[in-house]
Amino acid sequence: MQKTTPLLLRLIRLIQLLLHVTSGLLQSFAYPFFPLHIQRHIMQQWASSLLSILNIKLHCHGRLPGPEVTRALFAANHVSWLDICVLMAACPSRFVAKSEINDWPVLGLMSRNTATLFIERAKRNDTLRINQQIIEVLEKGERVTVFPEGTTTDGTELSHFHASLLQSAITADALLYPVAICYRNVAGDICQEVAFIEPSLVLSLQRILRQVKIDVELTFDEPIQCGTKNRRELARLAERAIADTLSLPIPHKKVEKLFGPPAG
């Protein structure tokens, strides 16, 4: 039977987490008024502390974009709401999220204050608006993260990568970085308990708090030059790079459809 964290320690972590989220909410009100380099520092420190509270150790591999890279779009596989915190701790960026998060208490306000880009999945033409917003952000020298699967998995497979929002990387002449995310438990196996499959954030957090330790492997694969490729080529290249890194099969080809934003 897999070891779990004692109840008292879970309660202590939960209290620390609630205090940390409250602190993040207060910081988020001042966040928009800081220059970009300070915003990145605030985001990175807050996310790193959150991972520490949950006893999640980050292992970062590959070549992260340096200051000379002024336009970078990250395309990552999607397992959990923790993905955002992990990416923030490694390489802060703006995120594309589903519009429903905008209405969440606390987290929705924090997301708005940190300039999250919200997409309405029910409106097919909203992709055009979000693409334009991503282009504007990239052209200002900021980084943006999208989750092309449009949904979460349990970490043992990949879903088909949709291409819609990758058009922004082509238009802005940005570098596309495939980013592979893998969570492992104390036994070294894929930690499926981290996955955010059902819509309850509370149940997801309970499963994470029960874990004695979580290791997350974050791999930045070689960046892809976007200028001479179309968006579907970019989706397949990113999909293959992440599948190879995680030693997972490439999803069966499907008819392209509207990109879905992060589930968590």
C-alpha atoms as a PDB file:
ATOM      1  CA  MET A   1       0.000   0.000   0.000  1.00  0.00           C
ATOM      2  CA  GLN A   2       1.289   3.451  -0.921  1.00  0.00           C
ATOM      3  CA  LYS A   3       2.382   5.630   1.990  1.00  0.00           C
ATOM      4  CA  THR A   4       0.348   8.758   2.649  1.00  0.00           C
ATOM      5  CA  THR A   5       1.035  11.943   4.583  1.00  0.00           C
ATOM      6  CA  PRO A   6      -0.173  11.890   8.241  1.00  0.00           C
ATOM      7  CA  LEU A   7      -3.385  13.817   8.831  1.00  0.00           C
ATOM      8  CA  LEU A   8      -1.752  16.421  11.123  1.00  0.00           C
ATOM      9  CA  LEU A   9       0.862  17.251   8.493  1.00  0.00           C
ATOM     10  CA  ARG A  10      -1.863  17.537   5.863  1.00  0.00           C
ATOM     11  CA  LEU A  11      -3.702  20.059   8.034  1.00  0.00           C
ATOM     12  CA  ILE A  12      -0.521  22.061   8.591  1.00  0.00           C
ATOM     13  CA  ARG A  13       0.166  22.135   4.848  1.00  0.00           C
ATOM     14  CA  LEU A  14      -3.433  23.167   4.171  1.00  0.00           C
ATOM     15  CA  ILE A  15      -3.216  26.090   6.618  1.00  0.00           C
ATOM     16  CA  GLN A  16       0.116  27.158   5.107  1.00  0.00           C
ATOM     17  CA  LEU A  17      -1.428  26.941   1.651  1.00  0.00           C
ATOM     18  CA  LEU A  18      -4.436  29.076   2.586  1.00  0.00           C
ATOM     19  CA  LEU A  19      -2.166  31.729   4.104  1.00  0.00           C
ATOM     20  CA  HIS A  20       0.039  31.628   1.017  1.00  0.00           C
ATOM     21  CA  VAL A  21      -2.911  32.044  -1.351  1.00  0.00           C
ATOM     22  CA  THR A  22      -4.131  34.985   0.748  1.00  0.00           C
ATOM     23  CA  SER A  23      -0.668  36.521   0.508  1.00  0.00           C
ATOM     24  CA  GLY A  24      -0.691  35.977  -3.258  1.00  0.00           C
ATOM     25  CA  LEU A  25      -4.082  37.649  -3.561  1.00  0.00           C
ATOM     26  CA  LEU A  26      -2.829  40.735  -1.734  1.00  0.00           C
ATOM     27  CA  GLN A  27       0.322  40.850  -3.878  1.00  0.00           C
ATOM     28  CA  SER A  28      -1.746  40.546  -7.033  1.00  0.00           C
ATOM     29  CA  PHE A  29      -3.326  43.977  -6.463  1.00  0.00           C
ATOM     30  CA  ALA A  30       0.099  45.633  -6.721  1.00  0.00           C
ATOM     31  CA  TYR A  31       1.363  43.236  -9.419  1.00  0.00           C
ATOM     32  CA  PRO A  32       0.155  45.201 -12.503  1.00  0.00           C
ATOM     33  CA  PHE A  33       2.081  48.310 -11.423  1.00  0.00           C
ATOM     34  CA  PHE A  34       5.530  46.667 -11.382  1.00  0.00           C
ATOM     35  CA  PRO A  35       7.856  46.432 -14.402  1.00  0.00           C
ATOM     36  CA  LEU A  36       8.045  43.089 -16.204  1.00  0.00           C
ATOM     37  CA  HIS A  37      11.239  41.808 -14.552  1.00  0.00           C
ATOM     38  CA  ILE A  38       9.807  42.403 -11.076  1.00  0.00           C
ATOM     39  CA  GLN A  39       6.499  40.792 -12.068  1.00  0.00           C
ATOM     40  CA  ARG A  40       8.398  37.680 -13.174  1.00  0.00           C
ATOM     41  CA  HIS A  41      10.318  37.613  -9.898  1.00  0.00           C
ATOM     42  CA  ILE A  42       7.127  37.906  -7.824  1.00  0.00           C
ATOM     43  CA  MET A  43       5.419  35.177  -9.850  1.00  0.00           C
ATOM     44  CA  GLN A  44       8.418  32.838  -9.637  1.00  0.00           C
ATOM     45  CA  GLN A  45       8.907  33.282  -5.875  1.00  0.00           C
ATOM     46  CA  TRP A  46       5.217  32.796  -5.093  1.00  0.00           C
ATOM     47  CA  ALA A  47       4.940  29.648  -7.228  1.00  0.00           C
ATOM     48  CA  SER A  48       8.160  28.170  -5.815  1.00  0.00           C
ATOM     49  CA  SER A  49       6.890  28.681  -2.279  1.00  0.00           C
ATOM     50  CA  LEU A  50       3.577  27.008  -3.136  1.00  0.00           C
ATOM     51  CA  LEU A  51       5.393  23.940  -4.479  1.00  0.00           C
ATOM     52  CA  SER A  52       7.515  23.850  -1.314  1.00  0.00           C
ATOM     53  CA  ILE A  53       4.419  23.918   0.907  1.00  0.00           C
ATOM     54  CA  LEU A  54       3.015  20.906  -0.972  1.00  0.00           C
ATOM     55  CA  ASN A  55       6.421  19.148  -0.852  1.00  0.00           C
ATOM     56  CA  ILE A  56       6.718  19.151  -4.635  1.00  0.00           C
ATOM     57  CA  LYS A  57      10.301  19.161  -5.908  1.00  0.00           C
ATOM     58  CA  LEU A  58      10.882  20.680  -9.328  1.00  0.00           C
ATOM     59  CA  HIS A  59      13.493  19.165 -11.649  1.00  0.00           C
ATOM     60  CA  CYS A  60      14.038  21.367 -14.698  1.00  0.00           C
ATOM     61  CA  HIS A  61      15.743  20.064 -17.844  1.00  0.00           C
ATOM     62  CA  GLY A  62      16.624  21.509 -21.229  1.00  0.00           C
ATOM     63  CA  ARG A  63      17.443  25.031 -22.315  1.00  0.00           C
ATOM     64  CA  LEU A  64      15.094  27.706 -21.023  1.00  0.00           C
ATOM     65  CA  PRO A  65      14.746  30.871 -23.106  1.00  0.00           C
ATOM     66  CA  GLY A  66      17.327  33.451 -22.069  1.00  0.00           C
ATOM     67  CA  PRO A  67      16.859  37.228 -21.982  1.00  0.00           C
ATOM     68  CA  GLU A  68      17.909  37.390 -25.639  1.00  0.00           C
ATOM     69  CA  VAL A  69      14.721  35.501 -26.609  1.00  0.00           C
ATOM     70  CA  THR A  70      12.145  38.257 -26.793  1.00  0.00           C
ATOM     71  CA  ARG A  71       9.228  36.219 -28.172  1.00  0.00           C
ATOM     72  CA  ALA A  72       8.525  32.741 -26.793  1.00  0.00           C
ATOM     73  CA  LEU A  73       5.357  30.639 -26.847  1.00  0.00           C
ATOM     74  CA  PHE A  74       5.324  27.564 -24.599  1.00  0.00           C
ATOM     75  CA  ALA A  75       3.169  24.586 -25.622  1.00  0.00           C
ATOM     76  CA  ALA A  76       2.865  22.087 -22.748  1.00  0.00           C
ATOM     77  CA  ASN A  77       1.011  18.868 -22.056  1.00  0.00           C
ATOM     78  CA  HIS A  78      -1.666  19.286 -19.401  1.00  0.00           C
ATOM     79  CA  VAL A  79      -2.055  17.124 -16.302  1.00  0.00           C
ATOM     80  CA  SER A  80      -3.124  19.325 -13.403  1.00  0.00           C
ATOM     81  CA  TRP A  81      -3.883  22.820 -12.192  1.00  0.00           C
ATOM     82  CA  LEU A  82      -0.410  22.510 -10.682  1.00  0.00           C
ATOM     83  CA  ASP A  83       1.052  22.771 -14.201  1.00  0.00           C
ATOM     84  CA  ILE A  84       0.640  26.540 -14.063  1.00  0.00           C
ATOM     85  CA  CYS A  85       2.487  26.800 -10.737  1.00  0.00           C
ATOM     86  CA  VAL A  86       5.264  24.518 -11.994  1.00  0.00           C
ATOM     87  CA  LEU A  87       5.756  26.604 -15.149  1.00  0.00           C
ATOM     88  CA  MET A  88       5.595  29.837 -13.158  1.00  0.00           C
ATOM     89  CA  ALA A  89       8.325  28.563 -10.826  1.00  0.00           C
ATOM     90  CA  ALA A  90      10.585  27.582 -13.733  1.00  0.00           C
ATOM     91  CA  CYS A  91       9.949  30.297 -16.320  1.00  0.00           C
ATOM     92  CA  PRO A  92       7.192  32.851 -15.606  1.00  0.00           C
ATOM     93  CA  SER A  93       4.809  33.665 -18.441  1.00  0.00           C
ATOM     94  CA  ARG A  94       1.260  34.727 -19.235  1.00  0.00           C
ATOM     95  CA  PHE A  95      -1.288  31.892 -19.507  1.00  0.00           C
ATOM     96  CA  VAL A  96      -4.344  31.193 -21.632  1.00  0.00           C
ATOM     97  CA  ALA A  97      -7.176  29.862 -19.434  1.00  0.00           C
ATOM     98  CA  LYS A  98     -10.828  29.000 -19.841  1.00  0.00           C
ATOM     99  CA  SER A  99     -13.179  31.909 -19.150  1.00  0.00           C
ATOM    100  CA  GLU A 100     -14.908  30.018 -16.318  1.00  0.00           C
ATOM    101  CA  ILE A 101     -11.855  30.594 -14.107  1.00  0.00           C
ATOM    102  CA  ASN A 102     -12.534  34.321 -14.330  1.00  0.00           C
ATOM    103  CA  ASP A 103     -15.647  33.745 -12.174  1.00  0.00           C
ATOM    104  CA  TRP A 104     -13.915  31.651  -9.488  1.00  0.00           C
ATOM    105  CA  PRO A 105     -13.613  33.329  -6.069  1.00  0.00           C
ATOM    106  CA  VAL A 106     -10.055  34.343  -5.097  1.00  0.00           C
ATOM    107  CA  LEU A 107      -8.309  32.418  -7.907  1.00  0.00           C
ATOM    108  CA  GLY A 108     -10.325  34.255 -10.543  1.00  0.00           C
ATOM    109  CA  LEU A 109      -9.369  37.617  -9.067  1.00  0.00           C
ATOM    110  CA  MET A 110      -5.705  36.593  -8.838  1.00  0.00           C
ATOM    111  CA  SER A 111      -5.805  35.461 -12.457  1.00  0.00           C
ATOM    112  CA  ARG A 112      -7.293  38.744 -13.623  1.00  0.00           C
ATOM    113  CA  ASN A 113      -4.747  40.771 -11.654  1.00  0.00           C
ATOM    114  CA  THR A 114      -1.865  38.809 -13.195  1.00  0.00           C
ATOM    115  CA  ALA A 115      -3.165  39.428 -16.733  1.00  0.00           C
ATOM    116  CA  THR A 116      -4.316  35.904 -17.608  1.00  0.00           C
ATOM    117  CA  LEU A 117      -5.812  35.631 -21.110  1.00  0.00           C
ATOM    118  CA  PHE A 118      -9.310  34.149 -20.894  1.00  0.00           C
ATOM    119  CA  ILE A 119     -10.910  32.295 -23.794  1.00  0.00           C
ATOM    120  CA  GLU A 120     -14.614  31.450 -24.151  1.00  0.00           C
ATOM    121  CA  ARG A 121     -14.613  27.863 -25.324  1.00  0.00           C
ATOM    122  CA  ALA A 122     -18.287  27.963 -26.327  1.00  0.00           C
ATOM    123  CA  LYS A 123     -17.564  30.654 -28.931  1.00  0.00           C
ATOM    124  CA  ARG A 124     -15.636  29.265 -31.870  1.00  0.00           C
ATOM    125  CA  ASN A 125     -14.683  32.714 -33.141  1.00  0.00           C
ATOM    126  CA  ASP A 126     -13.127  33.659 -29.779  1.00  0.00           C
ATOM    127  CA  THR A 127      -9.949  31.930 -30.967  1.00  0.00           C
ATOM    128  CA  LEU A 128      -9.304  34.863 -33.317  1.00  0.00           C
ATOM    129  CA  ARG A 129      -9.528  37.346 -30.449  1.00  0.00           C
ATOM    130  CA  ILE A 130      -7.204  35.338 -28.204  1.00  0.00           C
ATOM    131  CA  ASN A 131      -4.702  34.826 -31.016  1.00  0.00           C
ATOM    132  CA  GLN A 132      -4.539  38.584 -31.481  1.00  0.00           C
ATOM    133  CA  GLN A 133      -4.040  39.107 -27.743  1.00  0.00           C
ATOM    134  CA  ILE A 134      -1.229  36.532 -27.674  1.00  0.00           C
ATOM    135  CA  ILE A 135       0.437  38.245 -30.643  1.00  0.00           C
ATOM    136  CA  GLU A 136       0.307  41.598 -28.842  1.00  0.00           C
ATOM    137  CA  VAL A 137       1.801  40.073 -25.692  1.00  0.00           C
ATOM    138  CA  LEU A 138       4.587  38.321 -27.612  1.00  0.00           C
ATOM    139  CA  GLU A 139       5.444  41.495 -29.515  1.00  0.00           C
ATOM    140  CA  LYS A 140       5.912  43.276 -26.167  1.00  0.00           C
ATOM    141  CA  GLY A 141       8.610  40.736 -25.274  1.00  0.00           C
ATOM    142  CA  GLU A 142       6.517  38.673 -22.864  1.00  0.00           C
ATOM    143  CA  ARG A 143       6.079  34.902 -22.893  1.00  0.00           C
ATOM    144  CA  VAL A 144       2.806  33.012 -23.188  1.00  0.00           C
ATOM    145  CA  THR A 145       1.870  29.425 -22.290  1.00  0.00           C
ATOM    146  CA  VAL A 146      -0.870  27.394 -23.975  1.00  0.00           C
ATOM    147  CA  PHE A 147      -2.015  23.814 -23.401  1.00  0.00           C
ATOM    148  CA  PRO A 148      -2.815  22.490 -26.898  1.00  0.00           C
ATOM    149  CA  GLU A 149      -4.514  19.308 -25.646  1.00  0.00           C
ATOM    150  CA  GLY A 150      -7.353  21.481 -24.393  1.00  0.00           C
ATOM    151  CA  THR A 151      -7.974  19.070 -21.520  1.00  0.00           C
ATOM    152  CA  THR A 152      -6.092  17.239 -18.793  1.00  0.00           C
ATOM    153  CA  THR A 153      -4.870  13.637 -18.779  1.00  0.00           C
ATOM    154  CA  ASP A 154      -3.634  11.414 -15.954  1.00  0.00           C
ATOM    155  CA  GLY A 155      -0.042  11.652 -17.177  1.00  0.00           C
ATOM    156  CA  THR A 156       0.061   8.194 -18.766  1.00  0.00           C
ATOM    157  CA  GLU A 157      -1.027   9.405 -22.215  1.00  0.00           C
ATOM    158  CA  LEU A 158      -1.221  12.443 -24.468  1.00  0.00           C
ATOM    159  CA  SER A 159      -4.325  13.863 -26.079  1.00  0.00           C
ATOM    160  CA  HIS A 160      -4.347  15.275 -29.600  1.00  0.00           C
ATOM    161  CA  PHE A 161      -2.691  18.708 -29.855  1.00  0.00           C
ATOM    162  CA  HIS A 162      -5.001  21.312 -31.406  1.00  0.00           C
ATOM    163  CA  ALA A 163      -3.339  23.908 -33.583  1.00  0.00           C
ATOM    164  CA  SER A 164      -5.599  26.967 -33.394  1.00  0.00           C
ATOM    165  CA  LEU A 165      -3.644  29.124 -30.930  1.00  0.00           C
ATOM    166  CA  LEU A 166      -0.267  28.233 -32.418  1.00  0.00           C
ATOM    167  CA  GLN A 167      -1.051  30.598 -35.264  1.00  0.00           C
ATOM    168  CA  SER A 168      -0.007  33.415 -32.935  1.00  0.00           C
ATOM    169  CA  ALA A 169       3.592  32.136 -32.858  1.00  0.00           C
ATOM    170  CA  ILE A 170       3.736  32.240 -36.663  1.00  0.00           C
ATOM    171  CA  THR A 171       2.276  35.735 -36.953  1.00  0.00           C
ATOM    172  CA  ALA A 172       4.544  37.117 -34.212  1.00  0.00           C
ATOM    173  CA  ASP A 173       7.583  35.217 -35.552  1.00  0.00           C
ATOM    174  CA  ALA A 174       8.134  33.697 -32.114  1.00  0.00           C
ATOM    175  CA  LEU A 175      10.002  30.603 -30.972  1.00  0.00           C
ATOM    176  CA  LEU A 176       7.750  27.691 -29.992  1.00  0.00           C
ATOM    177  CA  TYR A 177       9.006  25.716 -26.999  1.00  0.00           C
ATOM    178  CA  PRO A 178       7.464  22.251 -26.450  1.00  0.00           C
ATOM    179  CA  VAL A 179       7.378  21.665 -22.679  1.00  0.00           C
ATOM    180  CA  ALA A 180       6.923  18.180 -21.197  1.00  0.00           C
ATOM    181  CA  ILE A 181       5.478  17.817 -17.680  1.00  0.00           C
ATOM    182  CA  CYS A 182       5.651  14.587 -15.678  1.00  0.00           C
ATOM    183  CA  TYR A 183       4.747  14.044 -12.005  1.00  0.00           C
ATOM    184  CA  ARG A 184       6.154  11.112 -10.009  1.00  0.00           C
ATOM    185  CA  ASN A 185       5.290   9.843  -6.543  1.00  0.00           C
ATOM    186  CA  VAL A 186       7.668   8.752  -3.779  1.00  0.00           C
ATOM    187  CA  ALA A 187       7.988   5.304  -5.420  1.00  0.00           C
ATOM    188  CA  GLY A 188       9.093   6.881  -8.704  1.00  0.00           C
ATOM    189  CA  ASP A 189       5.895   5.953 -10.557  1.00  0.00           C
ATOM    190  CA  ILE A 190       3.736   8.398 -12.515  1.00  0.00           C
ATOM    191  CA  CYS A 191       1.648  10.199  -9.900  1.00  0.00           C
ATOM    192  CA  GLN A 192      -1.870   9.938 -11.276  1.00  0.00           C
ATOM    193  CA  GLU A 193      -3.254  11.463  -8.064  1.00  0.00           C
ATOM    194  CA  VAL A 194      -2.017  14.854  -9.264  1.00  0.00           C
ATOM    195  CA  ALA A 195      -4.228  14.729 -12.357  1.00  0.00           C
ATOM    196  CA  PHE A 196      -7.168  17.132 -12.423  1.00  0.00           C
ATOM    197  CA  ILE A 197      -9.755  15.019 -14.208  1.00  0.00           C
ATOM    198  CA  GLU A 198     -12.971  15.795 -12.369  1.00  0.00           C
ATOM    199  CA  PRO A 199     -14.186  19.367 -11.852  1.00  0.00           C
ATOM    200  CA  SER A 200     -13.620  19.500  -8.078  1.00  0.00           C
ATOM    201  CA  LEU A 201     -10.537  21.464  -7.067  1.00  0.00           C
ATOM    202  CA  VAL A 202     -11.128  20.468  -3.426  1.00  0.00           C
ATOM    203  CA  LEU A 203     -10.909  16.724  -4.154  1.00  0.00           C
ATOM    204  CA  SER A 204      -7.834  17.298  -6.295  1.00  0.00           C
ATOM    205  CA  LEU A 205      -6.139  19.197  -3.482  1.00  0.00           C
ATOM    206  CA  GLN A 206      -7.027  16.465  -0.980  1.00  0.00           C
ATOM    207  CA  ARG A 207      -5.301  13.844  -3.143  1.00  0.00           C
ATOM    208  CA  ILE A 208      -2.227  16.021  -3.548  1.00  0.00           C
ATOM    209  CA  LEU A 209      -1.993  16.699   0.196  1.00  0.00           C
ATOM    210  CA  ARG A 210      -2.043  12.946   0.857  1.00  0.00           C
ATOM    211  CA  GLN A 211       1.160  12.466  -1.162  1.00  0.00           C
ATOM    212  CA  VAL A 212       4.307  12.097   0.932  1.00  0.00           C
ATOM    213  CA  LYS A 213       6.403  13.673  -1.817  1.00  0.00           C
ATOM    214  CA  ILE A 214       5.948  14.589  -5.464  1.00  0.00           C
ATOM    215  CA  ASP A 215       8.715  15.070  -8.008  1.00  0.00           C
ATOM    216  CA  VAL A 216       7.877  16.969 -11.166  1.00  0.00           C
ATOM    217  CA  GLU A 217      10.078  16.707 -14.245  1.00  0.00           C
ATOM    218  CA  LEU A 218       9.812  19.774 -16.460  1.00  0.00           C
ATOM    219  CA  THR A 219      11.624  19.472 -19.792  1.00  0.00           C
ATOM    220  CA  PHE A 220      12.045  22.326 -22.245  1.00  0.00           C
ATOM    221  CA  ASP A 221      12.645  20.719 -25.630  1.00  0.00           C
ATOM    222  CA  GLU A 222      14.529  22.417 -28.442  1.00  0.00           C
ATOM    223  CA  PRO A 223      12.649  25.494 -29.667  1.00  0.00           C
ATOM    224  CA  ILE A 224      10.949  25.394 -33.057  1.00  0.00           C
ATOM    225  CA  GLN A 225      11.330  28.218 -35.567  1.00  0.00           C
ATOM    226  CA  CYS A 226       7.797  29.121 -36.628  1.00  0.00           C
ATOM    227  CA  GLY A 227       8.199  31.470 -39.582  1.00  0.00           C
ATOM    228  CA  THR A 228       8.174  28.919 -42.427  1.00  0.00           C
ATOM    229  CA  LYS A 229       5.673  26.443 -40.920  1.00  0.00           C
ATOM    230  CA  ASN A 230       1.907  26.352 -40.660  1.00  0.00           C
ATOM    231  CA  ARG A 231       0.081  25.879 -37.369  1.00  0.00           C
ATOM    232  CA  ARG A 232      -0.723  22.198 -37.941  1.00  0.00           C
ATOM    233  CA  GLU A 233       2.932  21.436 -38.587  1.00  0.00           C
ATOM    234  CA  LEU A 234       3.787  23.197 -35.338  1.00  0.00           C
ATOM    235  CA  ALA A 235       1.167  21.196 -33.438  1.00  0.00           C
ATOM    236  CA  ARG A 236       2.505  17.887 -34.762  1.00  0.00           C
ATOM    237  CA  LEU A 237       6.142  18.858 -34.064  1.00  0.00           C
ATOM    238  CA  ALA A 238       5.337  19.936 -30.500  1.00  0.00           C
ATOM    239  CA  GLU A 239       3.217  16.832 -29.953  1.00  0.00           C
ATOM    240  CA  ARG A 240       6.002  14.535 -31.160  1.00  0.00           C
ATOM    241  CA  ALA A 241       8.691  16.291 -29.103  1.00  0.00           C
ATOM    242  CA  ILE A 242       6.676  15.970 -25.882  1.00  0.00           C
ATOM    243  CA  ALA A 243       5.652  12.367 -26.633  1.00  0.00           C
ATOM    244  CA  ASP A 244       9.309  11.421 -27.187  1.00  0.00           C
ATOM    245  CA  THR A 245      10.406  13.146 -23.977  1.00  0.00           C
ATOM    246  CA  LEU A 246       7.724  11.387 -21.915  1.00  0.00           C
ATOM    247  CA  SER A 247       8.094   8.064 -23.795  1.00  0.00           C
ATOM    248  CA  LEU A 248       4.380   8.139 -24.638  1.00  0.00           C
ATOM    249  CA  PRO A 249       2.652   7.168 -27.896  1.00  0.00           C
ATOM    250  CA  ILE A 250       1.611   9.944 -30.250  1.00  0.00           C
ATOM    251  CA  PRO A 251      -2.185  10.386 -30.228  1.00  0.00           C
ATOM    252  CA  HIS A 252      -4.183   9.168 -33.204  1.00  0.00           C
ATOM    253  CA  LYS A 253      -4.721  11.836 -35.796  1.00  0.00           C
ATOM    254  CA  LYS A 254      -8.033  13.638 -35.570  1.00  0.00           C
ATOM    255  CA  VAL A 255      -9.814  16.305 -37.551  1.00  0.00           C
ATOM    256  CA  GLU A 256      -8.648  19.691 -36.268  1.00  0.00           C
ATOM    257  CA  LYS A 257     -11.106  21.508 -34.045  1.00  0.00           C
ATOM    258  CA  LEU A 258     -11.285  24.527 -31.778  1.00  0.00           C
ATOM    259  CA  PHE A 259      -8.497  24.749 -29.235  1.00  0.00           C
ATOM    260  CA  GLY A 260      -9.589  24.173 -25.668  1.00  0.00           C
ATOM    261  CA  PRO A 261      -7.840  26.155 -22.900  1.00  0.00           C
ATOM    262  CA  PRO A 262      -6.411  24.705 -19.672  1.00  0.00           C
ATOM    263  CA  ALA A 263      -8.874  22.744 -17.596  1.00  0.00           C
ATOM    264  CA  GLY A 264      -7.321  23.816 -14.353  1.00  0.00           C
END
